[in-house]
């Protein structure tokens, strides 16, 4: 009997609103493609491909790294699995390689849901929903987490899209981002401190080309527009229509990654712009971490638009 292979990211959920389209996948409640106004905004992946480099994945209950895969919770040491052996860290949470259930679906929206269960290094049950919505403005992504267990827990979330300005590589991308503080890191990618971007090459509040710069930097103290959102904008060198990623008040940090450590042909092909509710190693430092008591809920929203 001939068997049809299951895609590496399981179910493929196609959304449409007018000229806008998106493909959401069940593994990691991920985002594979986002076409707005006929233009692909992502350096995504095909249905038969693995999401190398975290492409499009939802990151819960923490984004980025936890140094040594250990942290303390109310005086009790917690030992997570080491999921990045090269650094000895735990990276990007506990739901990256799980199949999320489809809870609700319409032509232009889908909600996926998973339960993060108590396990080594994680003390409680966390009910997480991710809702993708296409509307006239583009794509909106809302992550809601509720502590449905009997113990308090630390919490953070993020998302890992790779953006495309339509250029062959990120070298030809003109980048503008709102970070006013950047984090220096050690060889593991763990912050050793943060500083103002003023007077440094990390200051990208004014648009300028990426060129050959290697970027793998977390930013905080994000400048916001009048609507309370911060925005990252990518254009090509010719000044074409920008790709804009925005974050709401819950997203206080972002990570930007030029993809230099990825294998060919993905290396420096897309620019990861990762909205985060806390910085790297937050479970250890406590910076930006939300404490969810049993019954508490947290919501964060980010989005993509072509202008």
C-alpha atoms as a PDB file:
ATOM      1  CA  UNK A   1       0.000   0.000   0.000  1.00  0.00           C
ATOM      2  CA  UNK A   2       1.329   3.423  -0.980  1.00  0.00           C
ATOM      3  CA  UNK A   3       1.690   5.766   1.983  1.00  0.00           C
ATOM      4  CA  UNK A   4       1.617   9.547   1.668  1.00  0.00           C
ATOM      5  CA  UNK A   5       4.351  11.007   3.871  1.00  0.00           C
ATOM      6  CA  UNK A   6       3.268  13.330   6.671  1.00  0.00           C
ATOM      7  CA  UNK A   7       4.893  16.773   6.253  1.00  0.00           C
ATOM      8  CA  UNK A   8       7.630  17.465   8.833  1.00  0.00           C
ATOM      9  CA  UNK A   9       5.460  20.226  10.273  1.00  0.00           C
ATOM     10  CA  UNK A  10       2.251  18.108  10.184  1.00  0.00           C
ATOM     11  CA  UNK A  11      -0.980  19.879   9.202  1.00  0.00           C
ATOM     12  CA  UNK A  12      -0.757  22.785   6.753  1.00  0.00           C
ATOM     13  CA  UNK A  13      -3.456  25.405   7.400  1.00  0.00           C
ATOM     14  CA  UNK A  14      -4.068  27.860   4.559  1.00  0.00           C
ATOM     15  CA  UNK A  15      -5.590  31.251   5.371  1.00  0.00           C
ATOM     16  CA  UNK A  16      -6.903  33.880   2.969  1.00  0.00           C
ATOM     17  CA  UNK A  17      -8.307  37.396   3.231  1.00  0.00           C
ATOM     18  CA  UNK A  18      -8.647  39.232  -0.079  1.00  0.00           C
ATOM     19  CA  UNK A  19      -5.154  39.362  -1.607  1.00  0.00           C
ATOM     20  CA  UNK A  20      -3.522  38.222   1.651  1.00  0.00           C
ATOM     21  CA  UNK A  21      -2.558  34.597   2.286  1.00  0.00           C
ATOM     22  CA  UNK A  22      -0.710  32.701   5.016  1.00  0.00           C
ATOM     23  CA  UNK A  23       0.233  29.121   5.765  1.00  0.00           C
ATOM     24  CA  UNK A  24       0.270  28.055   9.419  1.00  0.00           C
ATOM     25  CA  UNK A  25       1.609  24.648  10.476  1.00  0.00           C
ATOM     26  CA  UNK A  26       0.681  22.474  13.434  1.00  0.00           C
ATOM     27  CA  UNK A  27       4.230  21.793  14.639  1.00  0.00           C
ATOM     28  CA  UNK A  28       5.150  24.648  17.011  1.00  0.00           C
ATOM     29  CA  UNK A  29       2.027  26.517  15.841  1.00  0.00           C
ATOM     30  CA  UNK A  30       4.446  27.825  13.251  1.00  0.00           C
ATOM     31  CA  UNK A  31       4.175  30.302  10.391  1.00  0.00           C
ATOM     32  CA  UNK A  32       5.460  28.935   7.076  1.00  0.00           C
ATOM     33  CA  UNK A  33       4.439  31.666   4.627  1.00  0.00           C
ATOM     34  CA  UNK A  34       2.818  35.108   4.660  1.00  0.00           C
ATOM     35  CA  UNK A  35       1.844  36.756   1.366  1.00  0.00           C
ATOM     36  CA  UNK A  36       0.375  40.232   1.774  1.00  0.00           C
ATOM     37  CA  UNK A  37      -0.808  42.125  -1.290  1.00  0.00           C
ATOM     38  CA  UNK A  38       0.778  39.486  -3.514  1.00  0.00           C
ATOM     39  CA  UNK A  39       4.172  39.800  -1.851  1.00  0.00           C
ATOM     40  CA  UNK A  40       5.907  37.157   0.278  1.00  0.00           C
ATOM     41  CA  UNK A  41       7.082  38.790   3.514  1.00  0.00           C
ATOM     42  CA  UNK A  42       8.923  35.758   4.897  1.00  0.00           C
ATOM     43  CA  UNK A  43      11.956  33.675   4.133  1.00  0.00           C
ATOM     44  CA  UNK A  44       9.945  30.635   5.092  1.00  0.00           C
ATOM     45  CA  UNK A  45      10.106  26.974   4.175  1.00  0.00           C
ATOM     46  CA  UNK A  46       8.346  24.477   1.921  1.00  0.00           C
ATOM     47  CA  UNK A  47       5.791  21.914   3.033  1.00  0.00           C
ATOM     48  CA  UNK A  48       8.339  19.089   2.728  1.00  0.00           C
ATOM     49  CA  UNK A  49      11.079  20.954   4.630  1.00  0.00           C
ATOM     50  CA  UNK A  50      12.046  21.103   8.301  1.00  0.00           C
ATOM     51  CA  UNK A  51      11.944  24.612   9.869  1.00  0.00           C
ATOM     52  CA  UNK A  52      15.723  24.939  10.152  1.00  0.00           C
ATOM     53  CA  UNK A  53      16.938  27.668  12.520  1.00  0.00           C
ATOM     54  CA  UNK A  54      13.605  27.927  14.320  1.00  0.00           C
ATOM     55  CA  UNK A  55      11.871  29.296  11.216  1.00  0.00           C
ATOM     56  CA  UNK A  56       8.403  30.543  12.087  1.00  0.00           C
ATOM     57  CA  UNK A  57       8.175  28.736  15.426  1.00  0.00           C
ATOM     58  CA  UNK A  58       6.269  29.783  18.535  1.00  0.00           C
ATOM     59  CA  UNK A  59       8.553  29.969  21.577  1.00  0.00           C
ATOM     60  CA  UNK A  60       6.923  29.113  24.926  1.00  0.00           C
ATOM     61  CA  UNK A  61       7.287  29.179  27.903  1.00  0.00           C
ATOM     62  CA  UNK A  62      10.482  31.128  27.243  1.00  0.00           C
ATOM     63  CA  UNK A  63      12.245  32.567  24.189  1.00  0.00           C
ATOM     64  CA  UNK A  64      15.979  32.369  23.512  1.00  0.00           C
ATOM     65  CA  UNK A  65      18.335  30.628  25.990  1.00  0.00           C
ATOM     66  CA  UNK A  66      18.506  29.544  29.616  1.00  0.00           C
ATOM     67  CA  UNK A  67      22.180  29.324  30.654  1.00  0.00           C
ATOM     68  CA  UNK A  68      23.191  25.841  31.728  1.00  0.00           C
ATOM     69  CA  UNK A  69      19.550  24.794  31.343  1.00  0.00           C
ATOM     70  CA  UNK A  70      19.105  25.597  35.056  1.00  0.00           C
ATOM     71  CA  UNK A  71      17.265  28.239  37.048  1.00  0.00           C
ATOM     72  CA  UNK A  72      15.729  28.686  40.505  1.00  0.00           C
ATOM     73  CA  UNK A  73      12.018  28.907  41.187  1.00  0.00           C
ATOM     74  CA  UNK A  74      10.989  30.003  44.677  1.00  0.00           C
ATOM     75  CA  UNK A  75      14.282  28.734  46.044  1.00  0.00           C
ATOM     76  CA  UNK A  76      14.088  25.368  44.298  1.00  0.00           C
ATOM     77  CA  UNK A  77      16.651  24.530  41.572  1.00  0.00           C
ATOM     78  CA  UNK A  78      15.105  23.518  38.247  1.00  0.00           C
ATOM     79  CA  UNK A  79      16.968  21.400  35.689  1.00  0.00           C
ATOM     80  CA  UNK A  80      15.726  21.609  32.101  1.00  0.00           C
ATOM     81  CA  UNK A  81      16.868  19.355  29.284  1.00  0.00           C
ATOM     82  CA  UNK A  82      19.861  20.706  27.392  1.00  0.00           C
ATOM     83  CA  UNK A  83      18.439  21.361  23.927  1.00  0.00           C
ATOM     84  CA  UNK A  84      21.441  23.220  22.502  1.00  0.00           C
ATOM     85  CA  UNK A  85      24.378  20.874  23.177  1.00  0.00           C
ATOM     86  CA  UNK A  86      26.941  23.223  21.638  1.00  0.00           C
ATOM     87  CA  UNK A  87      26.304  25.782  24.404  1.00  0.00           C
ATOM     88  CA  UNK A  88      24.869  23.613  27.182  1.00  0.00           C
ATOM     89  CA  UNK A  89      21.733  25.768  27.177  1.00  0.00           C
ATOM     90  CA  UNK A  90      18.011  25.125  26.966  1.00  0.00           C
ATOM     91  CA  UNK A  91      16.702  27.084  24.005  1.00  0.00           C
ATOM     92  CA  UNK A  92      13.330  28.405  22.826  1.00  0.00           C
ATOM     93  CA  UNK A  93      10.985  26.678  25.239  1.00  0.00           C
ATOM     94  CA  UNK A  94       9.153  23.375  25.384  1.00  0.00           C
ATOM     95  CA  UNK A  95       6.676  23.417  22.475  1.00  0.00           C
ATOM     96  CA  UNK A  96       8.851  23.714  19.348  1.00  0.00           C
ATOM     97  CA  UNK A  97       8.548  20.075  18.284  1.00  0.00           C
ATOM     98  CA  UNK A  98       5.032  19.260  19.404  1.00  0.00           C
ATOM     99  CA  UNK A  99       1.931  19.033  17.225  1.00  0.00           C
ATOM    100  CA  UNK A 100      -0.602  21.647  18.318  1.00  0.00           C
ATOM    101  CA  UNK A 101      -4.340  21.012  18.044  1.00  0.00           C
ATOM    102  CA  UNK A 102      -6.527  23.116  15.758  1.00  0.00           C
ATOM    103  CA  UNK A 103      -9.131  24.654  18.058  1.00  0.00           C
ATOM    104  CA  UNK A 104     -10.950  27.073  15.739  1.00  0.00           C
ATOM    105  CA  UNK A 105     -10.669  27.813  12.044  1.00  0.00           C
ATOM    106  CA  UNK A 106     -12.190  30.113   9.437  1.00  0.00           C
ATOM    107  CA  UNK A 107     -11.069  31.319   6.005  1.00  0.00           C
ATOM    108  CA  UNK A 108      -8.953  34.124   7.490  1.00  0.00           C
ATOM    109  CA  UNK A 109      -8.113  32.875  10.991  1.00  0.00           C
ATOM    110  CA  UNK A 110      -6.971  29.835  12.902  1.00  0.00           C
ATOM    111  CA  UNK A 111      -6.353  29.138  16.580  1.00  0.00           C
ATOM    112  CA  UNK A 112      -3.957  26.397  17.650  1.00  0.00           C
ATOM    113  CA  UNK A 113      -3.672  25.076  21.190  1.00  0.00           C
ATOM    114  CA  UNK A 114      -1.293  22.965  23.232  1.00  0.00           C
ATOM    115  CA  UNK A 115      -0.823  21.944  26.850  1.00  0.00           C
ATOM    116  CA  UNK A 116       2.691  22.251  28.237  1.00  0.00           C
ATOM    117  CA  UNK A 117       2.660  19.603  30.947  1.00  0.00           C
ATOM    118  CA  UNK A 118       4.759  19.427  34.150  1.00  0.00           C
ATOM    119  CA  UNK A 119       8.138  17.863  33.369  1.00  0.00           C
ATOM    120  CA  UNK A 120      11.770  18.050  34.494  1.00  0.00           C
ATOM    121  CA  UNK A 121      12.571  21.726  35.004  1.00  0.00           C
ATOM    122  CA  UNK A 122       8.980  22.879  34.479  1.00  0.00           C
ATOM    123  CA  UNK A 123       6.588  22.783  37.451  1.00  0.00           C
ATOM    124  CA  UNK A 124       3.024  23.231  36.188  1.00  0.00           C
ATOM    125  CA  UNK A 125       0.505  22.841  33.352  1.00  0.00           C
ATOM    126  CA  UNK A 126       0.291  25.720  30.878  1.00  0.00           C
ATOM    127  CA  UNK A 127      -2.576  26.014  28.398  1.00  0.00           C
ATOM    128  CA  UNK A 128      -1.308  27.953  25.356  1.00  0.00           C
ATOM    129  CA  UNK A 129      -3.254  29.267  22.358  1.00  0.00           C
ATOM    130  CA  UNK A 130      -1.883  31.002  19.263  1.00  0.00           C
ATOM    131  CA  UNK A 131      -4.335  32.796  16.979  1.00  0.00           C
ATOM    132  CA  UNK A 132      -3.381  33.883  13.466  1.00  0.00           C
ATOM    133  CA  UNK A 133      -5.654  36.442  11.799  1.00  0.00           C
ATOM    134  CA  UNK A 134      -5.453  37.975   8.335  1.00  0.00           C
ATOM    135  CA  UNK A 135      -7.220  41.311   7.899  1.00  0.00           C
ATOM    136  CA  UNK A 136      -6.935  44.392   5.695  1.00  0.00           C
ATOM    137  CA  UNK A 137      -3.703  45.451   7.425  1.00  0.00           C
ATOM    138  CA  UNK A 138      -1.847  42.137   7.111  1.00  0.00           C
ATOM    139  CA  UNK A 139      -1.249  39.380   9.671  1.00  0.00           C
ATOM    140  CA  UNK A 140      -1.852  39.514  13.432  1.00  0.00           C
ATOM    141  CA  UNK A 141      -0.524  36.815  15.793  1.00  0.00           C
ATOM    142  CA  UNK A 142      -1.784  36.564  19.385  1.00  0.00           C
ATOM    143  CA  UNK A 143      -0.316  34.184  21.974  1.00  0.00           C
ATOM    144  CA  UNK A 144      -2.302  33.557  25.164  1.00  0.00           C
ATOM    145  CA  UNK A 145      -1.012  31.387  28.014  1.00  0.00           C
ATOM    146  CA  UNK A 146      -2.941  30.381  31.128  1.00  0.00           C
ATOM    147  CA  UNK A 147      -1.536  28.586  34.155  1.00  0.00           C
ATOM    148  CA  UNK A 148      -3.942  25.663  34.632  1.00  0.00           C
ATOM    149  CA  UNK A 149      -1.770  23.870  37.183  1.00  0.00           C
ATOM    150  CA  UNK A 150      -1.355  24.152  40.942  1.00  0.00           C
ATOM    151  CA  UNK A 151       2.011  25.951  41.114  1.00  0.00           C
ATOM    152  CA  UNK A 152       3.273  29.341  40.071  1.00  0.00           C
ATOM    153  CA  UNK A 153       5.657  29.470  37.107  1.00  0.00           C
ATOM    154  CA  UNK A 154       7.890  31.914  35.278  1.00  0.00           C
ATOM    155  CA  UNK A 155       6.735  32.768  31.774  1.00  0.00           C
ATOM    156  CA  UNK A 156       7.897  34.385  28.574  1.00  0.00           C
ATOM    157  CA  UNK A 157       7.098  33.991  24.909  1.00  0.00           C
ATOM    158  CA  UNK A 158       8.478  34.873  21.515  1.00  0.00           C
ATOM    159  CA  UNK A 159       8.180  34.079  17.843  1.00  0.00           C
ATOM    160  CA  UNK A 160      10.859  33.306  15.253  1.00  0.00           C
ATOM    161  CA  UNK A 161       9.948  34.574  11.759  1.00  0.00           C
ATOM    162  CA  UNK A 162      12.631  35.223   9.154  1.00  0.00           C
ATOM    163  CA  UNK A 163      11.721  38.301   7.118  1.00  0.00           C
ATOM    164  CA  UNK A 164      12.468  38.901   3.460  1.00  0.00           C
ATOM    165  CA  UNK A 165      12.697  42.212   1.619  1.00  0.00           C
ATOM    166  CA  UNK A 166      12.887  40.347  -1.682  1.00  0.00           C
ATOM    167  CA  UNK A 167      16.686  40.473  -1.835  1.00  0.00           C
ATOM    168  CA  UNK A 168      18.969  37.520  -2.554  1.00  0.00           C
ATOM    169  CA  UNK A 169      20.688  37.868   0.834  1.00  0.00           C
ATOM    170  CA  UNK A 170      20.388  40.072   3.904  1.00  0.00           C
ATOM    171  CA  UNK A 171      23.455  42.009   2.722  1.00  0.00           C
ATOM    172  CA  UNK A 172      21.211  44.116   0.482  1.00  0.00           C
ATOM    173  CA  UNK A 173      18.556  44.757   3.134  1.00  0.00           C
ATOM    174  CA  UNK A 174      18.103  48.235   4.574  1.00  0.00           C
ATOM    175  CA  UNK A 175      17.166  47.766   8.231  1.00  0.00           C
ATOM    176  CA  UNK A 176      15.517  50.084  10.736  1.00  0.00           C
ATOM    177  CA  UNK A 177      14.771  48.933  14.285  1.00  0.00           C
ATOM    178  CA  UNK A 178      13.661  50.693  17.476  1.00  0.00           C
ATOM    179  CA  UNK A 179      16.073  49.292  20.071  1.00  0.00           C
ATOM    180  CA  UNK A 180      17.810  51.843  22.307  1.00  0.00           C
ATOM    181  CA  UNK A 181      19.633  49.270  24.451  1.00  0.00           C
ATOM    182  CA  UNK A 182      21.595  46.232  23.266  1.00  0.00           C
ATOM    183  CA  UNK A 183      22.934  43.144  25.053  1.00  0.00           C
ATOM    184  CA  UNK A 184      26.548  41.990  24.890  1.00  0.00           C
ATOM    185  CA  UNK A 185      26.811  38.186  25.089  1.00  0.00           C
ATOM    186  CA  UNK A 186      29.385  35.487  25.781  1.00  0.00           C
ATOM    187  CA  UNK A 187      30.280  32.600  23.488  1.00  0.00           C
ATOM    188  CA  UNK A 188      27.035  30.810  24.474  1.00  0.00           C
ATOM    189  CA  UNK A 189      24.816  33.725  23.503  1.00  0.00           C
ATOM    190  CA  UNK A 190      24.164  34.532  27.181  1.00  0.00           C
ATOM    191  CA  UNK A 191      24.050  38.255  28.046  1.00  0.00           C
ATOM    192  CA  UNK A 192      26.931  39.684  30.058  1.00  0.00           C
ATOM    193  CA  UNK A 193      25.406  43.160  30.269  1.00  0.00           C
ATOM    194  CA  UNK A 194      23.474  45.772  28.322  1.00  0.00           C
ATOM    195  CA  UNK A 195      24.349  49.247  27.078  1.00  0.00           C
ATOM    196  CA  UNK A 196      22.856  52.200  25.246  1.00  0.00           C
ATOM    197  CA  UNK A 197      23.095  52.053  21.463  1.00  0.00           C
ATOM    198  CA  UNK A 198      23.941  55.757  21.333  1.00  0.00           C
ATOM    199  CA  UNK A 199      27.140  56.361  19.404  1.00  0.00           C
ATOM    200  CA  UNK A 200      27.578  52.696  18.501  1.00  0.00           C
ATOM    201  CA  UNK A 201      27.134  50.564  15.406  1.00  0.00           C
ATOM    202  CA  UNK A 202      24.222  48.858  17.154  1.00  0.00           C
ATOM    203  CA  UNK A 203      22.071  51.948  16.682  1.00  0.00           C
ATOM    204  CA  UNK A 204      19.722  51.251  13.779  1.00  0.00           C
ATOM    205  CA  UNK A 205      16.975  53.724  14.559  1.00  0.00           C
ATOM    206  CA  UNK A 206      17.938  55.394  11.287  1.00  0.00           C
ATOM    207  CA  UNK A 207      17.657  53.023   8.290  1.00  0.00           C
ATOM    208  CA  UNK A 208      20.936  51.711   6.877  1.00  0.00           C
ATOM    209  CA  UNK A 209      22.093  48.656   4.930  1.00  0.00           C
ATOM    210  CA  UNK A 210      23.042  45.450   6.695  1.00  0.00           C
ATOM    211  CA  UNK A 211      25.996  44.942   4.338  1.00  0.00           C
ATOM    212  CA  UNK A 212      28.380  42.261   5.573  1.00  0.00           C
ATOM    213  CA  UNK A 213      27.596  42.870   9.260  1.00  0.00           C
ATOM    214  CA  UNK A 214      27.066  39.776  11.389  1.00  0.00           C
ATOM    215  CA  UNK A 215      24.001  40.369  13.568  1.00  0.00           C
ATOM    216  CA  UNK A 216      22.828  38.196  16.455  1.00  0.00           C
ATOM    217  CA  UNK A 217      21.741  40.822  18.937  1.00  0.00           C
ATOM    218  CA  UNK A 218      18.993  41.296  21.504  1.00  0.00           C
ATOM    219  CA  UNK A 219      17.530  44.777  21.954  1.00  0.00           C
ATOM    220  CA  UNK A 220      15.488  46.308  24.759  1.00  0.00           C
ATOM    221  CA  UNK A 221      13.960  49.690  25.658  1.00  0.00           C
ATOM    222  CA  UNK A 222      12.175  49.727  22.316  1.00  0.00           C
ATOM    223  CA  UNK A 223      10.975  53.080  21.020  1.00  0.00           C
ATOM    224  CA  UNK A 224       7.234  52.999  20.328  1.00  0.00           C
ATOM    225  CA  UNK A 225       4.991  54.895  17.973  1.00  0.00           C
ATOM    226  CA  UNK A 226       1.906  56.851  19.021  1.00  0.00           C
ATOM    227  CA  UNK A 227      -0.229  53.696  18.934  1.00  0.00           C
ATOM    228  CA  UNK A 228       2.009  52.010  21.540  1.00  0.00           C
ATOM    229  CA  UNK A 229       3.551  49.582  19.063  1.00  0.00           C
ATOM    230  CA  UNK A 230       7.217  49.329  18.110  1.00  0.00           C
ATOM    231  CA  UNK A 231       8.138  48.591  14.502  1.00  0.00           C
ATOM    232  CA  UNK A 232      11.023  47.002  12.597  1.00  0.00           C
ATOM    233  CA  UNK A 233      11.213  47.858   8.899  1.00  0.00           C
ATOM    234  CA  UNK A 234      13.101  46.142   6.087  1.00  0.00           C
ATOM    235  CA  UNK A 235      13.431  47.456   2.540  1.00  0.00           C
ATOM    236  CA  UNK A 236      15.646  46.675  -0.402  1.00  0.00           C
ATOM    237  CA  UNK A 237      18.439  49.020  -1.451  1.00  0.00           C
ATOM    238  CA  UNK A 238      16.200  50.519  -4.137  1.00  0.00           C
ATOM    239  CA  UNK A 239      13.793  51.737  -1.473  1.00  0.00           C
ATOM    240  CA  UNK A 240      10.911  49.429  -2.328  1.00  0.00           C
ATOM    241  CA  UNK A 241       7.855  48.916  -0.169  1.00  0.00           C
ATOM    242  CA  UNK A 242       9.009  48.000   3.353  1.00  0.00           C
ATOM    243  CA  UNK A 243       8.198  44.867   5.296  1.00  0.00           C
ATOM    244  CA  UNK A 244       7.105  45.870   8.792  1.00  0.00           C
ATOM    245  CA  UNK A 245       7.005  43.707  11.905  1.00  0.00           C
ATOM    246  CA  UNK A 246       5.335  45.285  14.949  1.00  0.00           C
ATOM    247  CA  UNK A 247       4.905  44.311  18.577  1.00  0.00           C
ATOM    248  CA  UNK A 248       2.442  45.412  21.245  1.00  0.00           C
ATOM    249  CA  UNK A 249       3.078  46.470  24.843  1.00  0.00           C
ATOM    250  CA  UNK A 250       3.704  42.887  26.003  1.00  0.00           C
ATOM    251  CA  UNK A 251       6.716  42.547  23.720  1.00  0.00           C
ATOM    252  CA  UNK A 252       9.488  44.548  25.364  1.00  0.00           C
ATOM    253  CA  UNK A 253      12.462  42.959  23.589  1.00  0.00           C
ATOM    254  CA  UNK A 254      13.483  41.676  20.188  1.00  0.00           C
ATOM    255  CA  UNK A 255      16.288  39.546  18.789  1.00  0.00           C
ATOM    256  CA  UNK A 256      17.742  40.169  15.329  1.00  0.00           C
ATOM    257  CA  UNK A 257      19.750  37.416  13.617  1.00  0.00           C
ATOM    258  CA  UNK A 258      21.379  37.565  10.186  1.00  0.00           C
ATOM    259  CA  UNK A 259      21.565  33.786   9.860  1.00  0.00           C
ATOM    260  CA  UNK A 260      25.337  33.413   9.592  1.00  0.00           C
ATOM    261  CA  UNK A 261      25.452  30.071  11.415  1.00  0.00           C
ATOM    262  CA  UNK A 262      22.770  28.445   9.264  1.00  0.00           C
ATOM    263  CA  UNK A 263      23.716  25.890   6.600  1.00  0.00           C
ATOM    264  CA  UNK A 264      23.719  26.766   2.918  1.00  0.00           C
ATOM    265  CA  UNK A 265      21.571  27.738   1.099  1.00  0.00           C
ATOM    266  CA  UNK A 266      19.838  29.314   4.102  1.00  0.00           C
ATOM    267  CA  UNK A 267      22.862  31.235   5.382  1.00  0.00           C
ATOM    268  CA  UNK A 268      22.124  35.018   5.372  1.00  0.00           C
ATOM    269  CA  UNK A 269      19.082  34.457   3.173  1.00  0.00           C
ATOM    270  CA  UNK A 270      16.501  35.903   5.578  1.00  0.00           C
ATOM    271  CA  UNK A 271      16.681  38.160   8.622  1.00  0.00           C
ATOM    272  CA  UNK A 272      15.203  36.720  11.801  1.00  0.00           C
ATOM    273  CA  UNK A 273      13.310  39.404  13.718  1.00  0.00           C
ATOM    274  CA  UNK A 274      12.044  37.805  16.925  1.00  0.00           C
ATOM    275  CA  UNK A 275       9.576  39.644  19.184  1.00  0.00           C
ATOM    276  CA  UNK A 276      10.156  38.561  22.805  1.00  0.00           C
ATOM    277  CA  UNK A 277       8.455  39.347  26.112  1.00  0.00           C
ATOM    278  CA  UNK A 278      11.766  38.933  27.962  1.00  0.00           C
ATOM    279  CA  UNK A 279      15.462  38.963  27.020  1.00  0.00           C
ATOM    280  CA  UNK A 280      17.822  35.980  26.726  1.00  0.00           C
ATOM    281  CA  UNK A 281      18.490  34.091  29.977  1.00  0.00           C
ATOM    282  CA  UNK A 282      15.520  35.736  31.665  1.00  0.00           C
ATOM    283  CA  UNK A 283      14.660  32.647  33.721  1.00  0.00           C
ATOM    284  CA  UNK A 284      18.039  33.065  35.434  1.00  0.00           C
ATOM    285  CA  UNK A 285      18.134  36.854  35.760  1.00  0.00           C
ATOM    286  CA  UNK A 286      14.416  37.468  36.230  1.00  0.00           C
ATOM    287  CA  UNK A 287      14.470  40.379  33.775  1.00  0.00           C
ATOM    288  CA  UNK A 288      11.133  40.735  32.020  1.00  0.00           C
ATOM    289  CA  UNK A 289       9.803  37.425  33.337  1.00  0.00           C
ATOM    290  CA  UNK A 290       6.069  37.235  34.043  1.00  0.00           C
ATOM    291  CA  UNK A 291       5.072  35.218  37.115  1.00  0.00           C
ATOM    292  CA  UNK A 292       1.894  33.266  36.447  1.00  0.00           C
ATOM    293  CA  UNK A 293       0.073  32.111  39.539  1.00  0.00           C
ATOM    294  CA  UNK A 294      -2.484  29.313  39.093  1.00  0.00           C
ATOM    295  CA  UNK A 295      -5.327  30.773  37.024  1.00  0.00           C
ATOM    296  CA  UNK A 296      -3.299  33.730  35.727  1.00  0.00           C
ATOM    297  CA  UNK A 297      -3.250  34.497  31.999  1.00  0.00           C
ATOM    298  CA  UNK A 298      -0.884  36.437  29.720  1.00  0.00           C
ATOM    299  CA  UNK A 299      -1.496  37.726  26.175  1.00  0.00           C
ATOM    300  CA  UNK A 300       0.936  39.166  23.631  1.00  0.00           C
ATOM    301  CA  UNK A 301       0.364  40.243  20.021  1.00  0.00           C
ATOM    302  CA  UNK A 302       2.665  40.962  17.087  1.00  0.00           C
ATOM    303  CA  UNK A 303       2.033  41.342  13.382  1.00  0.00           C
ATOM    304  CA  UNK A 304       3.300  41.768   9.836  1.00  0.00           C
ATOM    305  CA  UNK A 305       2.336  44.349   7.248  1.00  0.00           C
ATOM    306  CA  UNK A 306       3.761  45.439   3.883  1.00  0.00           C
ATOM    307  CA  UNK A 307       4.080  49.126   4.755  1.00  0.00           C
END
